[in-house]
């Protein structure tokens, strides 16, 4: 009636997927969905009407999955979805959320409109020794547990995974709320020139007001922002705020001309519209793009160097400074950059901290700094947190240094009178 597979055909697909996933180490998931209209509605309408209702529900499920996924009707009001090759568990939850969104649209039954709910059980295959039978049974058990879940209509069979997903969703909701309510500040961290140890530029970092977010590694929060597809919105807001602050400083502080660096998210970097859009944001505040340095993760560049080169060229054409962040692991591609494409590299803080344990790392830092200088690229030594590190780095021919020790040196440089915060902020 619905044109979907039945239980027997679904079992064959599950068996095949288990073999594929075992061989190629790929995860997949089975969703068991119970669509349960009220009994009085079922008994008071004809079989044709109820069949049309189930057909409508089946169509809505198919709208929520990829063409490569499998949808089946395994009982009168029981449906299953086989999600092939899932990249992470959050993608499974997105499918569930899409199904729930489809359920918000009223169903037409005769002349009336009705909304119905569903409960969903989820079993995930990620390399464990499971059979088709146990897979179906586990999804059914999870579905039964979902009936008794107060805050949501789905559950994973693996209770540890279920709790982890709940934690992730809570964190994502917290991030969305923090962005919507502007529950964050942008702090400006000093970067000093090694010539005279004077302030040369600053790095903009987001500091969250939320206690939950402050307890989490900032990199993890950034990853969630990328996952939630908020990177473009939040990145544009950050850039606009920074440019407005720079404009105030240039207007109110005599001879103030220090650039500010900010991290460019991976999805922002991949977006071909970013160079022009960023230039327009900067120019709208009366600033020039050369006052903004964009920190780009070396790891992300290495995923596709040729594509990254084209995007960096586009950003440079718009006038932005380019800083390769966490520069350490891959060096062979650096020679591909044309003269003037990259302005600076910032060495990973781990490289500086390791010098406290093994002085051999000093040779690595010196070598990288020397290599960068030969390519006409300036270097920032990040992580100067102690007097020992400071004294050791004096002999390294770098251009800038940054860290807690640098902050102490700059405590007297006060911008509170014009911006409401000191340079430590």
Protein backbone atom coordinates (compact mmCIF):
# COMPACT_ATOMS: atom_id res chain seq x y z
CA UNK A 1 0.00 0.00 0.00
CA UNK A 2 2.72 2.49 0.97
CA UNK A 3 5.20 1.24 -1.62
CA UNK A 4 7.73 0.59 1.14
CA UNK A 5 9.72 -2.54 1.90
CA UNK A 6 8.31 -5.08 4.36
CA UNK A 7 10.06 -6.69 7.34
CA UNK A 8 11.55 -9.54 5.30
CA UNK A 9 13.09 -7.20 2.73
CA UNK A 10 14.33 -4.89 5.49
CA UNK A 11 16.05 -7.80 7.26
CA UNK A 12 17.94 -8.59 4.06
CA UNK A 13 19.11 -4.98 3.86
CA UNK A 14 20.23 -5.09 7.49
CA UNK A 15 22.19 -8.30 6.92
CA UNK A 16 23.89 -6.78 3.90
CA UNK A 17 24.66 -3.56 5.75
CA UNK A 18 26.19 -5.46 8.67
CA UNK A 19 28.59 -7.21 6.27
CA UNK A 20 29.52 -3.94 4.52
CA UNK A 21 29.99 -2.03 7.76
CA UNK A 22 32.08 -4.80 9.29
CA UNK A 23 34.34 -4.95 6.26
CA UNK A 24 34.78 -1.21 5.72
CA UNK A 25 34.43 -0.05 9.35
CA UNK A 26 31.39 2.13 8.72
CA UNK A 27 28.56 2.88 11.11
CA UNK A 28 24.86 2.69 10.35
CA UNK A 29 21.67 3.03 12.38
CA UNK A 30 18.19 1.54 12.53
CA UNK A 31 15.25 3.70 13.57
CA UNK A 32 12.05 1.95 14.66
CA UNK A 33 9.13 4.37 14.56
CA UNK A 34 5.72 3.78 16.10
CA UNK A 35 3.06 6.02 14.57
CA UNK A 36 0.06 5.80 16.85
CA UNK A 37 -3.12 7.73 15.99
CA UNK A 38 -5.79 7.64 18.73
CA UNK A 39 -7.84 4.44 18.74
CA UNK A 40 -11.12 6.35 18.55
CA UNK A 41 -9.94 7.96 15.31
CA UNK A 42 -8.98 4.59 13.85
CA UNK A 43 -12.23 2.88 14.81
CA UNK A 44 -14.44 5.74 13.64
CA UNK A 45 -12.99 5.94 10.13
CA UNK A 46 -12.85 3.56 7.22
CA UNK A 47 -9.85 1.40 6.41
CA UNK A 48 -9.22 3.46 3.29
CA UNK A 49 -9.03 6.66 5.34
CA UNK A 50 -6.56 5.15 7.81
CA UNK A 51 -4.49 3.72 4.96
CA UNK A 52 -4.29 7.18 3.41
CA UNK A 53 -3.16 8.51 6.78
CA UNK A 54 -0.38 5.91 6.96
CA UNK A 55 0.57 6.64 3.36
CA UNK A 56 0.92 10.33 4.20
CA UNK A 57 3.12 9.49 7.17
CA UNK A 58 5.31 7.22 5.01
CA UNK A 59 5.82 10.04 2.51
CA UNK A 60 6.85 12.39 5.28
CA UNK A 61 9.44 9.93 6.56
CA UNK A 62 10.93 9.57 3.09
CA UNK A 63 11.31 13.36 2.91
CA UNK A 64 13.59 13.23 5.95
CA UNK A 65 16.17 10.73 4.72
CA UNK A 66 18.63 10.39 1.86
CA UNK A 67 17.80 8.49 -1.30
CA UNK A 68 20.42 5.92 -0.32
CA UNK A 69 18.68 5.16 3.00
CA UNK A 70 16.02 2.47 3.39
CA UNK A 71 12.46 3.01 4.65
CA UNK A 72 10.18 0.07 5.49
CA UNK A 73 6.76 -0.58 6.96
CA UNK A 74 7.14 -3.57 9.25
CA UNK A 75 3.70 -3.63 10.91
CA UNK A 76 0.36 -1.86 10.71
CA UNK A 77 1.61 1.34 12.35
CA UNK A 78 5.30 0.46 12.74
CA UNK A 79 7.96 1.83 10.39
CA UNK A 80 11.72 1.37 10.21
CA UNK A 81 14.46 3.50 8.68
CA UNK A 82 17.92 2.15 7.90
CA UNK A 83 20.44 5.00 7.80
CA UNK A 84 23.52 3.94 5.86
CA UNK A 85 27.07 5.20 6.46
CA UNK A 86 26.42 7.70 9.24
CA UNK A 87 29.30 10.06 10.03
CA UNK A 88 28.33 10.76 13.63
CA UNK A 89 25.49 10.12 16.04
CA UNK A 90 24.33 13.72 15.84
CA UNK A 91 23.35 13.12 12.21
CA UNK A 92 20.98 10.40 13.42
CA UNK A 93 19.37 12.84 15.83
CA UNK A 94 18.97 15.33 12.98
CA UNK A 95 16.90 12.78 11.07
CA UNK A 96 14.74 12.25 14.15
CA UNK A 97 14.31 16.00 14.54
CA UNK A 98 13.29 16.28 10.89
CA UNK A 99 10.68 13.56 11.38
CA UNK A 100 9.34 15.39 14.43
CA UNK A 101 9.19 18.58 12.40
CA UNK A 102 7.14 16.78 9.75
CA UNK A 103 4.71 15.68 12.45
CA UNK A 104 3.99 19.30 13.34
CA UNK A 105 2.15 19.66 10.04
CA UNK A 106 -1.50 18.58 10.55
CA UNK A 107 -2.76 15.41 8.85
CA UNK A 108 -6.00 15.61 6.87
CA UNK A 109 -8.52 12.99 7.97
CA UNK A 110 -11.84 13.38 6.16
CA UNK A 111 -12.79 17.00 6.80
CA UNK A 112 -10.67 17.46 9.91
CA UNK A 113 -7.05 18.26 10.66
CA UNK A 114 -5.13 16.32 13.29
CA UNK A 115 -1.60 16.27 14.66
CA UNK A 116 -0.06 13.02 15.85
CA UNK A 117 3.10 12.05 17.66
CA UNK A 118 5.47 9.12 17.29
CA UNK A 119 8.03 7.31 19.41
CA UNK A 120 11.38 6.30 17.96
CA UNK A 121 13.92 3.71 19.06
CA UNK A 122 17.46 3.82 17.70
CA UNK A 123 20.11 1.12 17.46
CA UNK A 124 23.54 1.94 16.07
CA UNK A 125 26.04 -0.47 14.52
CA UNK A 126 29.61 0.66 15.06
CA UNK A 127 31.70 -2.47 14.78
CA UNK A 128 30.13 -4.59 17.52
CA UNK A 129 29.23 -8.22 16.87
CA UNK A 130 25.49 -8.01 16.15
CA UNK A 131 23.00 -9.96 14.08
CA UNK A 132 20.01 -8.79 12.11
CA UNK A 133 17.71 -10.26 14.75
CA UNK A 134 19.43 -8.56 17.68
CA UNK A 135 19.52 -5.31 15.74
CA UNK A 136 15.73 -5.30 15.33
CA UNK A 137 15.19 -6.38 18.93
CA UNK A 138 17.43 -3.64 20.30
CA UNK A 139 15.69 -0.96 18.23
CA UNK A 140 12.34 -2.21 19.56
CA UNK A 141 13.60 -2.11 23.17
CA UNK A 142 14.84 1.44 22.62
CA UNK A 143 11.44 2.40 21.18
CA UNK A 144 9.69 1.03 24.26
CA UNK A 145 12.04 3.04 26.46
CA UNK A 146 11.27 6.17 24.42
CA UNK A 147 7.60 5.84 25.42
CA UNK A 148 8.62 6.56 29.01
CA UNK A 149 11.07 9.38 28.24
CA UNK A 150 9.71 12.65 29.54
CA UNK A 151 11.75 15.23 27.63
CA UNK A 152 11.90 13.67 24.14
CA UNK A 153 10.23 11.04 21.98
CA UNK A 154 13.28 8.95 21.08
CA UNK A 155 15.92 6.84 22.79
CA UNK A 156 19.10 4.99 21.85
CA UNK A 157 19.46 1.35 22.84
CA UNK A 158 22.92 2.07 24.26
CA UNK A 159 22.12 3.95 27.46
CA UNK A 160 25.60 5.51 27.69
CA UNK A 161 25.20 6.83 24.16
CA UNK A 162 21.71 8.02 25.04
CA UNK A 163 23.09 10.05 27.94
CA UNK A 164 25.90 11.45 25.78
CA UNK A 165 23.40 12.55 23.12
CA UNK A 166 21.32 14.23 25.82
CA UNK A 167 24.42 16.07 27.03
CA UNK A 168 25.24 17.20 23.49
CA UNK A 169 21.73 18.45 22.85
CA UNK A 170 21.75 20.37 26.12
CA UNK A 171 25.08 21.93 25.19
CA UNK A 172 23.83 22.86 21.72
CA UNK A 173 20.73 24.49 23.18
CA UNK A 174 22.96 26.41 25.59
CA UNK A 175 25.14 27.67 22.72
CA UNK A 176 22.12 28.76 20.67
CA UNK A 177 20.68 30.62 23.65
CA UNK A 178 24.02 32.27 24.44
CA UNK A 179 24.37 33.54 20.87
CA UNK A 180 20.75 34.68 20.61
CA UNK A 181 20.98 36.56 23.92
CA UNK A 182 24.53 37.81 23.29
CA UNK A 183 25.78 36.14 26.46
CA UNK A 184 29.45 36.56 25.59
CA UNK A 185 32.23 39.13 25.42
CA UNK A 186 35.06 39.58 22.97
CA UNK A 187 38.37 39.92 24.80
CA UNK A 188 41.53 41.25 23.20
CA UNK A 189 44.80 39.47 23.99
CA UNK A 190 48.13 41.25 23.35
CA UNK A 191 50.76 40.07 20.89
CA UNK A 192 54.09 41.84 21.36
CA UNK A 193 56.90 42.57 18.97
CA UNK A 194 60.19 40.96 19.95
CA UNK A 195 61.85 44.28 19.06
CA UNK A 196 61.35 46.34 22.20
CA UNK A 197 58.68 44.00 23.58
CA UNK A 198 55.99 46.51 22.62
CA UNK A 199 52.38 45.90 21.70
CA UNK A 200 52.12 45.04 18.01
CA UNK A 201 48.68 43.50 17.50
CA UNK A 202 45.91 41.74 19.39
CA UNK A 203 43.90 38.56 19.14
CA UNK A 204 40.14 38.57 19.62
CA UNK A 205 38.77 35.69 21.68
CA UNK A 206 35.19 34.93 22.69
CA UNK A 207 34.54 34.55 26.42
CA UNK A 208 31.16 33.07 27.29
CA UNK A 209 29.06 34.21 30.25
CA UNK A 210 27.43 30.80 30.61
CA UNK A 211 29.00 28.68 33.36
CA UNK A 212 28.37 25.54 31.29
CA UNK A 213 30.28 26.91 28.30
CA UNK A 214 33.14 28.32 30.35
CA UNK A 215 33.84 24.85 31.73
CA UNK A 216 34.28 23.43 28.22
CA UNK A 217 37.34 23.66 26.01
CA UNK A 218 36.81 26.67 23.67
CA UNK A 219 37.78 24.49 20.70
CA UNK A 220 34.91 22.14 21.56
CA UNK A 221 32.44 25.03 21.66
CA UNK A 222 33.73 26.18 18.27
CA UNK A 223 33.20 22.68 16.88
CA UNK A 224 29.61 22.73 18.08
CA UNK A 225 29.06 26.12 16.47
CA UNK A 226 30.29 24.62 13.19
CA UNK A 227 28.03 21.57 13.63
CA UNK A 228 25.00 23.75 14.33
CA UNK A 229 25.71 25.74 11.15
CA UNK A 230 25.97 28.94 13.19
CA UNK A 231 29.52 29.70 12.09
CA UNK A 232 28.54 32.16 9.36
CA UNK A 233 26.12 34.11 11.54
CA UNK A 234 28.36 34.19 14.61
CA UNK A 235 31.51 34.87 12.58
CA UNK A 236 29.92 37.89 10.91
CA UNK A 237 28.75 39.21 14.29
CA UNK A 238 32.26 38.84 15.75
CA UNK A 239 33.89 40.60 12.81
CA UNK A 240 31.43 43.49 12.91
CA UNK A 241 31.92 43.92 16.67
CA UNK A 242 35.71 43.86 16.35
CA UNK A 243 35.69 46.42 13.54
CA UNK A 244 33.49 48.77 15.55
CA UNK A 245 35.90 48.46 18.48
CA UNK A 246 38.90 49.13 16.22
CA UNK A 247 37.19 52.20 14.79
CA UNK A 248 36.64 53.56 18.32
CA UNK A 249 40.24 52.91 19.28
CA UNK A 250 41.60 54.60 16.18
CA UNK A 251 39.32 57.57 16.79
CA UNK A 252 39.97 57.95 20.52
CA UNK A 253 43.57 56.76 20.99
CA UNK A 254 46.27 58.85 19.39
CA UNK A 255 48.40 56.90 16.89
CA UNK A 256 46.55 53.66 17.63
CA UNK A 257 46.98 51.46 14.56
CA UNK A 258 47.23 47.89 15.87
CA UNK A 259 45.56 45.13 13.82
CA UNK A 260 43.36 42.48 15.41
CA UNK A 261 43.42 38.77 14.63
CA UNK A 262 40.38 36.52 14.83
CA UNK A 263 39.82 32.85 14.09
CA UNK A 264 38.15 32.00 10.79
CA UNK A 265 35.92 28.95 11.24
CA UNK A 266 36.30 26.02 8.87
CA UNK A 267 32.92 26.46 7.21
CA UNK A 268 33.60 30.19 6.90
CA UNK A 269 36.92 29.47 5.25
CA UNK A 270 35.29 27.01 2.84
CA UNK A 271 32.58 29.50 1.83
CA UNK A 272 33.59 31.19 -1.42
CA UNK A 273 31.46 34.22 -0.51
CA UNK A 274 33.44 34.91 2.68
CA UNK A 275 36.22 37.13 1.21
CA UNK A 276 33.84 39.65 -0.35
CA UNK A 277 31.33 39.46 2.51
CA UNK A 278 34.04 40.04 5.11
CA UNK A 279 35.44 43.00 3.16
CA UNK A 280 31.99 44.60 3.06
CA UNK A 281 31.55 44.11 6.81
CA UNK A 282 34.93 45.72 7.50
CA UNK A 283 34.37 48.64 5.14
CA UNK A 284 30.89 49.27 6.58
CA UNK A 285 32.57 50.16 9.88
CA UNK A 286 34.98 52.56 8.20
CA UNK A 287 37.96 50.24 8.61
CA UNK A 288 40.27 48.63 6.07
CA UNK A 289 40.73 44.84 5.66
CA UNK A 290 44.47 45.07 6.35
CA UNK A 291 43.55 45.84 9.97
CA UNK A 292 42.12 42.33 10.28
CA UNK A 293 44.18 39.15 10.48
CA UNK A 294 42.42 35.84 9.90
CA UNK A 295 43.65 32.79 11.81
CA UNK A 296 43.23 29.69 9.66
CA UNK A 297 43.81 26.22 11.06
CA UNK A 298 46.74 24.41 9.47
CA UNK A 299 44.89 21.12 9.86
CA UNK A 300 41.98 22.43 7.78
CA UNK A 301 44.32 23.71 5.08
CA UNK A 302 45.90 20.28 4.79
CA UNK A 303 42.56 18.65 4.00
CA UNK A 304 42.69 20.16 0.53
CA UNK A 305 45.72 22.36 -0.03
CA UNK A 306 44.84 23.40 -3.59
CA UNK A 307 41.34 24.58 -2.61
CA UNK A 308 42.77 26.31 0.47
CA UNK A 309 45.33 28.14 -1.67
CA UNK A 310 42.60 29.57 -3.88
CA UNK A 311 40.61 30.76 -0.88
CA UNK A 312 43.67 32.32 0.74
CA UNK A 313 44.44 34.12 -2.52
CA UNK A 314 40.87 35.47 -2.56
CA UNK A 315 41.17 36.70 1.04
CA UNK A 316 44.51 38.34 0.27
CA UNK A 317 43.04 40.09 -2.77
CA UNK A 318 40.47 41.66 -0.46
CA UNK A 319 43.30 42.94 1.75
CA UNK A 320 43.18 40.64 4.79
CA UNK A 321 46.24 39.42 6.65
CA UNK A 322 46.53 35.62 6.75
CA UNK A 323 47.91 33.77 9.78
CA UNK A 324 48.24 29.99 9.71
CA UNK A 325 47.25 28.89 13.19
CA UNK A 326 48.65 25.94 15.18
CA UNK A 327 51.44 25.67 12.69
CA UNK A 328 53.55 22.61 13.40
CA UNK A 329 52.58 19.37 11.74
CA UNK A 330 52.71 19.85 8.00
CA UNK A 331 55.50 21.89 6.47
CA UNK A 332 55.90 20.58 2.94
CA UNK A 333 53.04 22.61 1.48
CA UNK A 334 54.39 25.98 2.67
CA UNK A 335 56.69 26.34 -0.31
CA UNK A 336 53.64 26.34 -2.59
CA UNK A 337 52.51 29.70 -1.31
CA UNK A 338 53.47 32.55 -3.60
CA UNK A 339 55.47 35.46 -2.23
CA UNK A 340 53.33 37.65 0.02
CA UNK A 341 50.34 35.29 0.31
CA UNK A 342 50.94 34.49 3.99
CA UNK A 343 51.97 37.25 6.38
CA UNK A 344 52.62 35.30 9.57
CA UNK A 345 52.62 31.88 11.17
CA UNK A 346 51.95 31.27 14.85
CA UNK A 347 53.72 28.30 16.38
CA UNK A 348 51.66 26.00 18.56
CA UNK A 349 51.88 26.66 22.30
CA UNK A 350 52.85 23.01 22.84
CA UNK A 351 56.17 23.66 21.11
CA UNK A 352 57.09 26.36 23.61
CA UNK A 353 55.89 24.42 26.65
CA UNK A 354 57.97 21.38 25.63
CA UNK A 355 61.14 23.45 25.92
CA UNK A 356 60.69 23.36 29.70
CA UNK A 357 61.19 19.59 29.55
CA UNK A 358 63.56 19.14 26.61
CA UNK A 359 65.75 21.90 25.25
CA UNK A 360 65.95 20.00 21.95
CA UNK A 361 62.63 21.60 21.07
CA UNK A 362 64.41 24.94 20.97
CA UNK A 363 66.15 23.73 17.82
CA UNK A 364 62.77 22.96 16.26
CA UNK A 365 61.47 26.43 17.09
CA UNK A 366 64.64 28.04 15.74
CA UNK A 367 64.45 25.96 12.57
CA UNK A 368 60.83 26.84 11.88
CA UNK A 369 61.48 30.51 12.56
CA UNK A 370 64.50 30.49 10.25
CA UNK A 371 62.54 28.71 7.52
CA UNK A 372 59.70 31.22 7.77
CA UNK A 373 62.11 34.13 7.57
CA UNK A 374 63.65 32.71 4.39
CA UNK A 375 60.13 32.63 2.92
CA UNK A 376 59.60 36.24 4.07
CA UNK A 377 56.95 35.14 6.59
CA UNK A 378 56.90 36.55 10.11
CA UNK A 379 56.54 34.29 13.15
CA UNK A 380 54.62 34.54 16.43
CA UNK A 381 55.84 32.46 19.36
CA UNK A 382 52.72 31.67 21.39
CA UNK A 383 52.79 30.36 24.96
CA UNK A 384 55.48 32.56 26.58
CA UNK A 385 54.20 31.93 30.10
CA UNK A 386 57.32 32.11 32.26
CA UNK A 387 60.49 34.11 32.66
CA UNK A 388 62.51 31.01 31.70
CA UNK A 389 60.63 30.71 28.41
CA UNK A 390 60.99 34.43 27.82
CA UNK A 391 64.75 34.38 28.40
CA UNK A 392 65.15 31.27 26.25
CA UNK A 393 63.20 32.77 23.37
CA UNK A 394 65.34 35.92 23.36
CA UNK A 395 67.86 34.03 21.25
CA UNK A 396 65.24 32.91 18.73
CA UNK A 397 65.02 35.24 15.77
CA UNK A 398 61.21 35.48 15.83
CA UNK A 399 59.14 38.58 15.16
CA UNK A 400 56.48 38.43 17.89
CA UNK A 401 55.69 36.63 21.11
CA UNK A 402 52.49 36.06 23.02
CA UNK A 403 51.41 34.48 26.30
CA UNK A 404 50.81 35.07 30.00
CA UNK A 405 54.25 36.60 30.51
CA UNK A 406 53.55 39.06 27.69
CA UNK A 407 50.26 39.97 29.35
CA UNK A 408 52.06 40.83 32.59
CA UNK A 409 54.44 43.13 30.72
CA UNK A 410 51.46 44.90 29.11
CA UNK A 411 49.35 45.43 32.22
CA UNK A 412 50.04 49.14 32.20
CA UNK A 413 48.71 49.55 28.65
CA UNK A 414 45.14 50.42 29.60
CA UNK A 415 42.29 50.77 27.11
CA UNK A 416 39.59 50.83 29.78
CA UNK A 417 38.96 54.51 29.31
CA UNK A 418 37.77 54.05 25.74
CA UNK A 419 36.53 50.50 25.46
CA UNK A 420 35.29 49.49 28.86
CA UNK A 421 37.97 46.86 29.33
CA UNK A 422 41.70 46.66 29.83
CA UNK A 423 44.01 45.03 27.33
CA UNK A 424 43.81 41.84 29.38
CA UNK A 425 40.22 41.69 28.21
